[in-house]
């Protein structure tokens, strides 16, 4: 217990420094947009952009992971890059988790279309879309950025360190809130406010906090497999492409956000006995989280 108490300030320091690094790296990535005075609301995937802008956008996409790698490598007690990345290779998990991660979001999106149909809401022209070769090439890069570029930070560093002290649900809500703020960085870019509404902001927070709870459940249910969480993140991005909603609205879609909330509530109710309090010190040490040597 004494070792656990000594570890808490170190853990909090690592998380705080990770958050600082996250937003500093994000700001540096967005900076070229201001330098070249590019209106983000007018950019498309076919718009030619300066090399520095492209690099900046890529840096921004990988900011959660870059910040995590930087902090654990440089901060005393951070644990090192090897420990941070080890869960990425944890692949010996039941097949059901792989299927849930990759197909679950698409099923949820299809259910969303059924809900729209029942409520008489606008439907997309096609329920399923197979992207072309060019779109698939872009999608591969987006999947890597969304999965590895983000999840090493959100679920690799933030979730396990926070849940060791505050419990899984509160940790997931905190990570989800930060995830939502970070995800709205385009609103701070030139022209970003022109394409962002208050409903987009609110629904982004609702959806990502709920998704964070579901992803935390996946992370804990697979004994800390970051690989499965990364596949779940990729599964959502695939669903966005394969099962589009009306008018291509994603972050501000109330049906999708509501379904993620339903999934999160179901997860909390089904696992409440293990989620309402921090993990016992013995369990924390067993998982390699929260001890003085590894914090």
C-alpha atoms as a PDB file:
ATOM      1  CA  UNK A   1       0.000   0.000   0.000  1.00  0.00           C
ATOM      2  CA  UNK A   2       2.882   2.369   0.796  1.00  0.00           C
ATOM      3  CA  UNK A   3       4.436   1.747  -2.605  1.00  0.00           C
ATOM      4  CA  UNK A   4       1.073   2.397  -4.239  1.00  0.00           C
ATOM      5  CA  UNK A   5       0.693   5.732  -2.417  1.00  0.00           C
ATOM      6  CA  UNK A   6       4.174   6.813  -3.461  1.00  0.00           C
ATOM      7  CA  UNK A   7       3.347   5.912  -7.046  1.00  0.00           C
ATOM      8  CA  UNK A   8       0.273   8.116  -7.312  1.00  0.00           C
ATOM      9  CA  UNK A   9       2.069  11.478  -7.627  1.00  0.00           C
ATOM     10  CA  UNK A  10       4.329   9.960 -10.299  1.00  0.00           C
ATOM     11  CA  UNK A  11       1.364   8.597 -12.212  1.00  0.00           C
ATOM     12  CA  UNK A  12      -0.456  11.925 -12.026  1.00  0.00           C
ATOM     13  CA  UNK A  13       2.654  13.757 -13.171  1.00  0.00           C
ATOM     14  CA  UNK A  14       3.051  11.490 -16.192  1.00  0.00           C
ATOM     15  CA  UNK A  15      -0.598  11.986 -17.160  1.00  0.00           C
ATOM     16  CA  UNK A  16      -0.447  15.767 -16.735  1.00  0.00           C
ATOM     17  CA  UNK A  17       2.757  16.040 -18.757  1.00  0.00           C
ATOM     18  CA  UNK A  18       1.211  13.811 -21.433  1.00  0.00           C
ATOM     19  CA  UNK A  19      -1.774  16.169 -21.662  1.00  0.00           C
ATOM     20  CA  UNK A  20       0.523  19.188 -21.952  1.00  0.00           C
ATOM     21  CA  UNK A  21       2.598  17.495 -24.642  1.00  0.00           C
ATOM     22  CA  UNK A  22      -0.591  16.407 -26.458  1.00  0.00           C
ATOM     23  CA  UNK A  23      -1.882  19.940 -26.917  1.00  0.00           C
ATOM     24  CA  UNK A  24       1.542  21.449 -27.604  1.00  0.00           C
ATOM     25  CA  UNK A  25       2.177  18.925 -30.397  1.00  0.00           C
ATOM     26  CA  UNK A  26      -1.336  19.484 -31.746  1.00  0.00           C
ATOM     27  CA  UNK A  27      -0.814  23.248 -31.779  1.00  0.00           C
ATOM     28  CA  UNK A  28       2.489  22.839 -33.632  1.00  0.00           C
ATOM     29  CA  UNK A  29       0.760  20.631 -36.187  1.00  0.00           C
ATOM     30  CA  UNK A  30      -1.992  23.189 -36.776  1.00  0.00           C
ATOM     31  CA  UNK A  31       0.443  26.131 -36.990  1.00  0.00           C
ATOM     32  CA  UNK A  32       1.198  25.778 -40.743  1.00  0.00           C
ATOM     33  CA  UNK A  33      -2.497  26.320 -41.494  1.00  0.00           C
ATOM     34  CA  UNK A  34      -2.212  29.761 -39.934  1.00  0.00           C
ATOM     35  CA  UNK A  35       1.131  30.453 -41.591  1.00  0.00           C
ATOM     36  CA  UNK A  36      -0.264  29.772 -45.079  1.00  0.00           C
ATOM     37  CA  UNK A  37      -3.679  31.257 -44.190  1.00  0.00           C
ATOM     38  CA  UNK A  38      -5.552  28.209 -45.410  1.00  0.00           C
ATOM     39  CA  UNK A  39      -9.287  28.132 -44.730  1.00  0.00           C
ATOM     40  CA  UNK A  40      -9.945  24.656 -43.355  1.00  0.00           C
ATOM     41  CA  UNK A  41     -13.630  24.822 -44.262  1.00  0.00           C
ATOM     42  CA  UNK A  42     -12.703  25.107 -47.942  1.00  0.00           C
ATOM     43  CA  UNK A  43     -10.145  22.300 -48.072  1.00  0.00           C
ATOM     44  CA  UNK A  44     -10.986  18.966 -49.694  1.00  0.00           C
ATOM     45  CA  UNK A  45      -8.955  15.783 -50.168  1.00  0.00           C
ATOM     46  CA  UNK A  46      -8.136  16.934 -53.713  1.00  0.00           C
ATOM     47  CA  UNK A  47      -7.014  20.439 -52.699  1.00  0.00           C
ATOM     48  CA  UNK A  48      -3.261  20.946 -53.261  1.00  0.00           C
ATOM     49  CA  UNK A  49      -1.584  21.999 -50.025  1.00  0.00           C
ATOM     50  CA  UNK A  50       1.993  22.961 -49.092  1.00  0.00           C
ATOM     51  CA  UNK A  51       4.214  20.163 -47.817  1.00  0.00           C
ATOM     52  CA  UNK A  52       4.485  21.744 -44.373  1.00  0.00           C
ATOM     53  CA  UNK A  53       0.708  21.781 -44.040  1.00  0.00           C
ATOM     54  CA  UNK A  54       0.520  18.093 -44.926  1.00  0.00           C
ATOM     55  CA  UNK A  55       3.245  17.277 -42.405  1.00  0.00           C
ATOM     56  CA  UNK A  56       1.494  19.379 -39.784  1.00  0.00           C
ATOM     57  CA  UNK A  57      -1.810  17.572 -40.290  1.00  0.00           C
ATOM     58  CA  UNK A  58      -0.047  14.201 -39.974  1.00  0.00           C
ATOM     59  CA  UNK A  59       1.666  15.341 -36.771  1.00  0.00           C
ATOM     60  CA  UNK A  60      -1.697  16.417 -35.406  1.00  0.00           C
ATOM     61  CA  UNK A  61      -3.234  13.039 -36.270  1.00  0.00           C
ATOM     62  CA  UNK A  62      -0.491  11.229 -34.328  1.00  0.00           C
ATOM     63  CA  UNK A  63      -0.306  13.741 -31.455  1.00  0.00           C
ATOM     64  CA  UNK A  64      -1.800  11.467 -28.723  1.00  0.00           C
ATOM     65  CA  UNK A  65       0.724   8.713 -29.409  1.00  0.00           C
ATOM     66  CA  UNK A  66       3.667  11.045 -30.045  1.00  0.00           C
ATOM     67  CA  UNK A  67       2.983  12.781 -26.726  1.00  0.00           C
ATOM     68  CA  UNK A  68       2.755   9.442 -24.895  1.00  0.00           C
ATOM     69  CA  UNK A  69       6.011   8.165 -26.396  1.00  0.00           C
ATOM     70  CA  UNK A  70       7.783  11.413 -25.560  1.00  0.00           C
ATOM     71  CA  UNK A  71       6.634  11.492 -21.953  1.00  0.00           C
ATOM     72  CA  UNK A  72       7.328   7.866 -21.041  1.00  0.00           C
ATOM     73  CA  UNK A  73      10.774   8.124 -22.631  1.00  0.00           C
ATOM     74  CA  UNK A  74      11.850  11.361 -20.939  1.00  0.00           C
ATOM     75  CA  UNK A  75       9.987  11.588 -17.625  1.00  0.00           C
ATOM     76  CA  UNK A  76      11.475   9.690 -14.665  1.00  0.00           C
ATOM     77  CA  UNK A  77       9.067   6.935 -13.687  1.00  0.00           C
ATOM     78  CA  UNK A  78       7.393   7.019 -17.112  1.00  0.00           C
ATOM     79  CA  UNK A  79       8.083   3.329 -17.664  1.00  0.00           C
ATOM     80  CA  UNK A  80       9.774   3.600 -21.050  1.00  0.00           C
ATOM     81  CA  UNK A  81       8.623   3.114 -24.625  1.00  0.00           C
ATOM     82  CA  UNK A  82       8.904  -0.689 -24.479  1.00  0.00           C
ATOM     83  CA  UNK A  83       6.383  -1.009 -21.663  1.00  0.00           C
ATOM     84  CA  UNK A  84       4.027   1.455 -23.322  1.00  0.00           C
ATOM     85  CA  UNK A  85       4.008  -0.427 -26.638  1.00  0.00           C
ATOM     86  CA  UNK A  86       3.983  -3.963 -25.238  1.00  0.00           C
ATOM     87  CA  UNK A  87       0.140  -4.197 -25.148  1.00  0.00           C
ATOM     88  CA  UNK A  88       0.074  -3.509 -28.910  1.00  0.00           C
ATOM     89  CA  UNK A  89       1.479  -7.004 -29.459  1.00  0.00           C
ATOM     90  CA  UNK A  90      -1.003  -8.701 -27.096  1.00  0.00           C
ATOM     91  CA  UNK A  91      -2.853 -10.673 -29.748  1.00  0.00           C
ATOM     92  CA  UNK A  92      -3.739 -13.986 -28.073  1.00  0.00           C
ATOM     93  CA  UNK A  93      -7.324 -12.986 -27.426  1.00  0.00           C
ATOM     94  CA  UNK A  94     -10.554 -14.854 -28.160  1.00  0.00           C
ATOM     95  CA  UNK A  95     -11.900 -14.582 -31.702  1.00  0.00           C
ATOM     96  CA  UNK A  96     -15.096 -12.975 -30.417  1.00  0.00           C
ATOM     97  CA  UNK A  97     -13.144  -9.866 -29.394  1.00  0.00           C
ATOM     98  CA  UNK A  98     -11.688  -9.513 -32.886  1.00  0.00           C
ATOM     99  CA  UNK A  99     -15.144  -9.825 -34.436  1.00  0.00           C
ATOM    100  CA  UNK A 100     -16.637  -7.359 -31.974  1.00  0.00           C
ATOM    101  CA  UNK A 101     -13.876  -4.826 -32.595  1.00  0.00           C
ATOM    102  CA  UNK A 102     -13.935  -4.978 -36.384  1.00  0.00           C
ATOM    103  CA  UNK A 103     -17.636  -5.599 -37.085  1.00  0.00           C
ATOM    104  CA  UNK A 104     -19.370  -4.134 -34.043  1.00  0.00           C
ATOM    105  CA  UNK A 105     -19.283  -0.491 -35.219  1.00  0.00           C
ATOM    106  CA  UNK A 106     -20.661  -1.408 -38.659  1.00  0.00           C
ATOM    107  CA  UNK A 107     -23.499  -3.332 -37.014  1.00  0.00           C
ATOM    108  CA  UNK A 108     -24.190  -0.294 -34.822  1.00  0.00           C
ATOM    109  CA  UNK A 109     -24.298   1.980 -37.880  1.00  0.00           C
ATOM    110  CA  UNK A 110     -26.719  -0.361 -39.661  1.00  0.00           C
ATOM    111  CA  UNK A 111     -28.910  -0.397 -36.554  1.00  0.00           C
ATOM    112  CA  UNK A 112     -28.779   3.393 -36.740  1.00  0.00           C
ATOM    113  CA  UNK A 113     -30.204   3.283 -40.267  1.00  0.00           C
ATOM    114  CA  UNK A 114     -32.976   0.966 -39.068  1.00  0.00           C
ATOM    115  CA  UNK A 115     -33.771   3.467 -36.308  1.00  0.00           C
ATOM    116  CA  UNK A 116     -33.879   6.289 -38.860  1.00  0.00           C
ATOM    117  CA  UNK A 117     -36.169   4.230 -41.053  1.00  0.00           C
ATOM    118  CA  UNK A 118     -38.515   3.617 -38.134  1.00  0.00           C
ATOM    119  CA  UNK A 119     -38.519   7.286 -37.118  1.00  0.00           C
ATOM    120  CA  UNK A 120     -38.943   8.578 -40.658  1.00  0.00           C
ATOM    121  CA  UNK A 121     -35.582  10.384 -40.586  1.00  0.00           C
ATOM    122  CA  UNK A 122     -33.471  11.025 -43.721  1.00  0.00           C
ATOM    123  CA  UNK A 123     -31.578   7.961 -44.958  1.00  0.00           C
ATOM    124  CA  UNK A 124     -28.356   7.797 -46.999  1.00  0.00           C
ATOM    125  CA  UNK A 125     -28.676   7.035 -50.732  1.00  0.00           C
ATOM    126  CA  UNK A 126     -26.986   3.673 -50.100  1.00  0.00           C
ATOM    127  CA  UNK A 127     -26.803   1.674 -46.869  1.00  0.00           C
ATOM    128  CA  UNK A 128     -23.469   0.124 -47.831  1.00  0.00           C
ATOM    129  CA  UNK A 129     -20.654   1.623 -49.928  1.00  0.00           C
ATOM    130  CA  UNK A 130     -17.511  -0.076 -51.206  1.00  0.00           C
ATOM    131  CA  UNK A 131     -14.783   2.575 -51.556  1.00  0.00           C
ATOM    132  CA  UNK A 132     -12.762   2.805 -54.755  1.00  0.00           C
ATOM    133  CA  UNK A 133      -9.026   2.156 -55.016  1.00  0.00           C
ATOM    134  CA  UNK A 134      -8.042   5.772 -54.309  1.00  0.00           C
ATOM    135  CA  UNK A 135     -10.377   5.963 -51.313  1.00  0.00           C
ATOM    136  CA  UNK A 136      -9.020   2.682 -49.945  1.00  0.00           C
ATOM    137  CA  UNK A 137      -5.442   3.975 -50.183  1.00  0.00           C
ATOM    138  CA  UNK A 138      -6.441   7.041 -48.197  1.00  0.00           C
ATOM    139  CA  UNK A 139      -8.425   4.900 -45.773  1.00  0.00           C
ATOM    140  CA  UNK A 140      -5.395   2.770 -44.908  1.00  0.00           C
ATOM    141  CA  UNK A 141      -3.492   5.861 -43.791  1.00  0.00           C
ATOM    142  CA  UNK A 142      -6.495   7.109 -41.850  1.00  0.00           C
ATOM    143  CA  UNK A 143      -6.881   3.757 -40.099  1.00  0.00           C
ATOM    144  CA  UNK A 144      -3.249   3.748 -38.993  1.00  0.00           C
ATOM    145  CA  UNK A 145      -3.463   7.333 -37.770  1.00  0.00           C
ATOM    146  CA  UNK A 146      -6.730   6.730 -35.941  1.00  0.00           C
ATOM    147  CA  UNK A 147      -5.664   3.437 -34.394  1.00  0.00           C
ATOM    148  CA  UNK A 148      -1.961   3.578 -33.620  1.00  0.00           C
ATOM    149  CA  UNK A 149      -1.716   7.368 -33.817  1.00  0.00           C
ATOM    150  CA  UNK A 150      -4.317   7.851 -31.090  1.00  0.00           C
ATOM    151  CA  UNK A 151      -4.845   4.713 -29.029  1.00  0.00           C
ATOM    152  CA  UNK A 152      -1.319   4.430 -27.651  1.00  0.00           C
ATOM    153  CA  UNK A 153      -2.181   7.706 -25.947  1.00  0.00           C
ATOM    154  CA  UNK A 154      -5.857   7.302 -25.004  1.00  0.00           C
ATOM    155  CA  UNK A 155      -5.972   3.676 -23.912  1.00  0.00           C
ATOM    156  CA  UNK A 156      -2.227   2.955 -23.792  1.00  0.00           C
ATOM    157  CA  UNK A 157      -1.252   5.688 -21.341  1.00  0.00           C
ATOM    158  CA  UNK A 158      -4.309   7.566 -20.102  1.00  0.00           C
ATOM    159  CA  UNK A 159      -6.803   4.815 -19.287  1.00  0.00           C
ATOM    160  CA  UNK A 160      -4.617   2.351 -17.325  1.00  0.00           C
ATOM    161  CA  UNK A 161      -2.900   5.025 -15.263  1.00  0.00           C
ATOM    162  CA  UNK A 162      -6.092   6.843 -14.333  1.00  0.00           C
ATOM    163  CA  UNK A 163      -8.200   3.748 -13.662  1.00  0.00           C
ATOM    164  CA  UNK A 164      -5.628   2.386 -11.210  1.00  0.00           C
ATOM    165  CA  UNK A 165      -6.635   5.225  -8.891  1.00  0.00           C
ATOM    166  CA  UNK A 166     -10.077   6.410  -9.964  1.00  0.00           C
ATOM    167  CA  UNK A 167     -11.718   3.288 -11.371  1.00  0.00           C
ATOM    168  CA  UNK A 168     -12.459   2.352 -14.947  1.00  0.00           C
ATOM    169  CA  UNK A 169     -15.610   4.378 -15.567  1.00  0.00           C
ATOM    170  CA  UNK A 170     -14.335   7.672 -14.196  1.00  0.00           C
ATOM    171  CA  UNK A 171     -11.032   7.173 -15.994  1.00  0.00           C
ATOM    172  CA  UNK A 172     -12.865   6.433 -19.246  1.00  0.00           C
ATOM    173  CA  UNK A 173     -15.029   9.549 -18.875  1.00  0.00           C
ATOM    174  CA  UNK A 174     -11.942  11.683 -18.230  1.00  0.00           C
ATOM    175  CA  UNK A 175     -10.094  10.217 -21.221  1.00  0.00           C
ATOM    176  CA  UNK A 176     -13.219  10.636 -23.342  1.00  0.00           C
ATOM    177  CA  UNK A 177     -13.526  14.295 -22.376  1.00  0.00           C
ATOM    178  CA  UNK A 178      -9.922  14.991 -23.364  1.00  0.00           C
ATOM    179  CA  UNK A 179     -10.423  12.953 -26.534  1.00  0.00           C
ATOM    180  CA  UNK A 180     -13.426  15.134 -27.398  1.00  0.00           C
ATOM    181  CA  UNK A 181     -11.590  18.420 -26.814  1.00  0.00           C
ATOM    182  CA  UNK A 182      -8.661  17.228 -28.904  1.00  0.00           C
ATOM    183  CA  UNK A 183     -10.952  15.904 -31.650  1.00  0.00           C
ATOM    184  CA  UNK A 184     -12.407  19.384 -32.072  1.00  0.00           C
ATOM    185  CA  UNK A 185      -9.066  20.970 -32.975  1.00  0.00           C
ATOM    186  CA  UNK A 186     -10.347  21.834 -36.506  1.00  0.00           C
ATOM    187  CA  UNK A 187     -12.694  24.373 -34.874  1.00  0.00           C
ATOM    188  CA  UNK A 188      -9.627  26.349 -33.756  1.00  0.00           C
ATOM    189  CA  UNK A 189      -8.022  26.269 -37.215  1.00  0.00           C
ATOM    190  CA  UNK A 190      -8.618  29.022 -39.791  1.00  0.00           C
ATOM    191  CA  UNK A 191     -12.183  28.710 -41.071  1.00  0.00           C
ATOM    192  CA  UNK A 192     -12.916  25.872 -38.665  1.00  0.00           C
ATOM    193  CA  UNK A 193     -15.727  27.641 -36.839  1.00  0.00           C
ATOM    194  CA  UNK A 194     -17.558  28.077 -40.137  1.00  0.00           C
ATOM    195  CA  UNK A 195     -18.084  24.311 -40.357  1.00  0.00           C
ATOM    196  CA  UNK A 196     -18.636  23.594 -36.633  1.00  0.00           C
ATOM    197  CA  UNK A 197     -21.931  24.022 -34.800  1.00  0.00           C
ATOM    198  CA  UNK A 198     -22.765  23.788 -31.117  1.00  0.00           C
ATOM    199  CA  UNK A 199     -24.683  20.576 -31.765  1.00  0.00           C
ATOM    200  CA  UNK A 200     -21.532  19.132 -33.373  1.00  0.00           C
ATOM    201  CA  UNK A 201     -19.566  20.001 -30.229  1.00  0.00           C
ATOM    202  CA  UNK A 202     -22.121  18.560 -27.811  1.00  0.00           C
ATOM    203  CA  UNK A 203     -22.641  15.363 -29.798  1.00  0.00           C
ATOM    204  CA  UNK A 204     -18.890  14.902 -30.193  1.00  0.00           C
ATOM    205  CA  UNK A 205     -18.522  14.921 -26.406  1.00  0.00           C
ATOM    206  CA  UNK A 206     -21.484  12.558 -25.979  1.00  0.00           C
ATOM    207  CA  UNK A 207     -20.281  10.088 -28.603  1.00  0.00           C
ATOM    208  CA  UNK A 208     -16.602  10.041 -27.675  1.00  0.00           C
ATOM    209  CA  UNK A 209     -17.154   9.789 -23.919  1.00  0.00           C
ATOM    210  CA  UNK A 210     -19.531   6.886 -24.531  1.00  0.00           C
ATOM    211  CA  UNK A 211     -17.065   5.318 -26.973  1.00  0.00           C
ATOM    212  CA  UNK A 212     -14.295   5.770 -24.414  1.00  0.00           C
ATOM    213  CA  UNK A 213     -16.295   3.723 -21.904  1.00  0.00           C
ATOM    214  CA  UNK A 214     -16.840   0.959 -24.474  1.00  0.00           C
ATOM    215  CA  UNK A 215     -13.152   0.971 -25.442  1.00  0.00           C
ATOM    216  CA  UNK A 216     -12.122   0.863 -21.772  1.00  0.00           C
ATOM    217  CA  UNK A 217     -14.335  -2.200 -21.360  1.00  0.00           C
ATOM    218  CA  UNK A 218     -12.647  -3.798 -24.372  1.00  0.00           C
ATOM    219  CA  UNK A 219      -9.216  -2.912 -23.000  1.00  0.00           C
ATOM    220  CA  UNK A 220      -9.948  -4.409 -19.582  1.00  0.00           C
ATOM    221  CA  UNK A 221     -11.909  -7.357 -20.954  1.00  0.00           C
ATOM    222  CA  UNK A 222      -8.945  -8.399 -23.102  1.00  0.00           C
ATOM    223  CA  UNK A 223      -6.513  -8.074 -20.184  1.00  0.00           C
ATOM    224  CA  UNK A 224      -5.014  -4.889 -21.588  1.00  0.00           C
ATOM    225  CA  UNK A 225      -4.792  -5.727 -25.298  1.00  0.00           C
ATOM    226  CA  UNK A 226      -4.178  -2.408 -27.007  1.00  0.00           C
ATOM    227  CA  UNK A 227      -4.259  -4.252 -30.324  1.00  0.00           C
ATOM    228  CA  UNK A 228      -7.976  -5.071 -29.948  1.00  0.00           C
ATOM    229  CA  UNK A 229      -8.761  -1.485 -28.945  1.00  0.00           C
ATOM    230  CA  UNK A 230      -6.880  -0.246 -32.007  1.00  0.00           C
ATOM    231  CA  UNK A 231      -8.929  -2.618 -34.166  1.00  0.00           C
ATOM    232  CA  UNK A 232     -12.117  -1.284 -32.563  1.00  0.00           C
ATOM    233  CA  UNK A 233     -11.040   2.256 -33.398  1.00  0.00           C
ATOM    234  CA  UNK A 234     -10.307   1.136 -36.951  1.00  0.00           C
ATOM    235  CA  UNK A 235     -13.647  -0.659 -37.012  1.00  0.00           C
ATOM    236  CA  UNK A 236     -15.444   2.619 -36.334  1.00  0.00           C
ATOM    237  CA  UNK A 237     -13.520   4.401 -39.068  1.00  0.00           C
ATOM    238  CA  UNK A 238     -14.353   1.570 -41.467  1.00  0.00           C
ATOM    239  CA  UNK A 239     -18.023   1.831 -40.534  1.00  0.00           C
ATOM    240  CA  UNK A 240     -17.936   5.552 -41.322  1.00  0.00           C
ATOM    241  CA  UNK A 241     -16.798   4.681 -44.858  1.00  0.00           C
ATOM    242  CA  UNK A 242     -18.844   1.541 -45.454  1.00  0.00           C
ATOM    243  CA  UNK A 243     -22.111   2.518 -43.724  1.00  0.00           C
ATOM    244  CA  UNK A 244     -22.494   6.266 -44.291  1.00  0.00           C
ATOM    245  CA  UNK A 245     -25.245   8.291 -42.654  1.00  0.00           C
ATOM    246  CA  UNK A 246     -27.398  10.859 -44.403  1.00  0.00           C
ATOM    247  CA  UNK A 247     -25.526  13.931 -45.644  1.00  0.00           C
ATOM    248  CA  UNK A 248     -22.215  12.335 -44.564  1.00  0.00           C
ATOM    249  CA  UNK A 249     -22.702  13.632 -41.004  1.00  0.00           C
ATOM    250  CA  UNK A 250     -20.613  11.664 -38.514  1.00  0.00           C
ATOM    251  CA  UNK A 251     -19.575  13.479 -35.341  1.00  0.00           C
ATOM    252  CA  UNK A 252     -22.808  15.443 -35.133  1.00  0.00           C
ATOM    253  CA  UNK A 253     -25.170  12.553 -35.840  1.00  0.00           C
ATOM    254  CA  UNK A 254     -27.568  12.153 -32.890  1.00  0.00           C
ATOM    255  CA  UNK A 255     -28.594   8.582 -33.778  1.00  0.00           C
ATOM    256  CA  UNK A 256     -25.022   7.250 -33.802  1.00  0.00           C
ATOM    257  CA  UNK A 257     -24.189   9.186 -30.627  1.00  0.00           C
ATOM    258  CA  UNK A 258     -27.275   7.799 -28.881  1.00  0.00           C
ATOM    259  CA  UNK A 259     -26.461   4.222 -29.868  1.00  0.00           C
ATOM    260  CA  UNK A 260     -22.939   4.588 -28.453  1.00  0.00           C
ATOM    261  CA  UNK A 261     -24.463   5.881 -25.218  1.00  0.00           C
ATOM    262  CA  UNK A 262     -26.769   2.855 -25.104  1.00  0.00           C
ATOM    263  CA  UNK A 263     -23.755   0.577 -25.626  1.00  0.00           C
ATOM    264  CA  UNK A 264     -21.808   2.360 -22.877  1.00  0.00           C
ATOM    265  CA  UNK A 265     -24.698   2.143 -20.407  1.00  0.00           C
ATOM    266  CA  UNK A 266     -25.121  -1.556 -21.175  1.00  0.00           C
ATOM    267  CA  UNK A 267     -21.421  -2.146 -20.539  1.00  0.00           C
ATOM    268  CA  UNK A 268     -21.468  -0.287 -17.208  1.00  0.00           C
ATOM    269  CA  UNK A 269     -24.593  -2.121 -16.003  1.00  0.00           C
ATOM    270  CA  UNK A 270     -23.247  -5.512 -17.064  1.00  0.00           C
ATOM    271  CA  UNK A 271     -19.874  -5.002 -15.363  1.00  0.00           C
ATOM    272  CA  UNK A 272     -20.781  -2.656 -12.483  1.00  0.00           C
ATOM    273  CA  UNK A 273     -19.299  -4.900  -9.802  1.00  0.00           C
ATOM    274  CA  UNK A 274     -15.831  -4.434 -11.295  1.00  0.00           C
ATOM    275  CA  UNK A 275     -16.117  -0.875 -12.580  1.00  0.00           C
ATOM    276  CA  UNK A 276     -17.422   1.303  -9.776  1.00  0.00           C
ATOM    277  CA  UNK A 277     -14.210   1.454  -7.733  1.00  0.00           C
ATOM    278  CA  UNK A 278     -10.459   1.554  -8.346  1.00  0.00           C
ATOM    279  CA  UNK A 279      -8.704  -1.758  -8.779  1.00  0.00           C
ATOM    280  CA  UNK A 280      -7.328  -3.291  -5.540  1.00  0.00           C
ATOM    281  CA  UNK A 281      -3.595  -2.673  -5.030  1.00  0.00           C
ATOM    282  CA  UNK A 282      -2.827  -6.385  -5.494  1.00  0.00           C
ATOM    283  CA  UNK A 283      -4.683  -6.464  -8.829  1.00  0.00           C
ATOM    284  CA  UNK A 284      -3.017  -3.234  -9.910  1.00  0.00           C
ATOM    285  CA  UNK A 285       0.406  -4.687  -9.228  1.00  0.00           C
ATOM    286  CA  UNK A 286      -0.523  -7.891 -11.042  1.00  0.00           C
ATOM    287  CA  UNK A 287      -1.422  -5.936 -14.172  1.00  0.00           C
ATOM    288  CA  UNK A 288       1.776  -3.920 -13.945  1.00  0.00           C
ATOM    289  CA  UNK A 289      -0.069  -0.637 -13.451  1.00  0.00           C
ATOM    290  CA  UNK A 290       0.410   1.815 -10.648  1.00  0.00           C
ATOM    291  CA  UNK A 291       3.452   0.361  -8.889  1.00  0.00           C
ATOM    292  CA  UNK A 292       6.360   2.566  -8.053  1.00  0.00           C
ATOM    293  CA  UNK A 293       8.694   0.722 -10.386  1.00  0.00           C
ATOM    294  CA  UNK A 294       6.350   1.031 -13.363  1.00  0.00           C
ATOM    295  CA  UNK A 295       4.500   4.297 -12.781  1.00  0.00           C
END
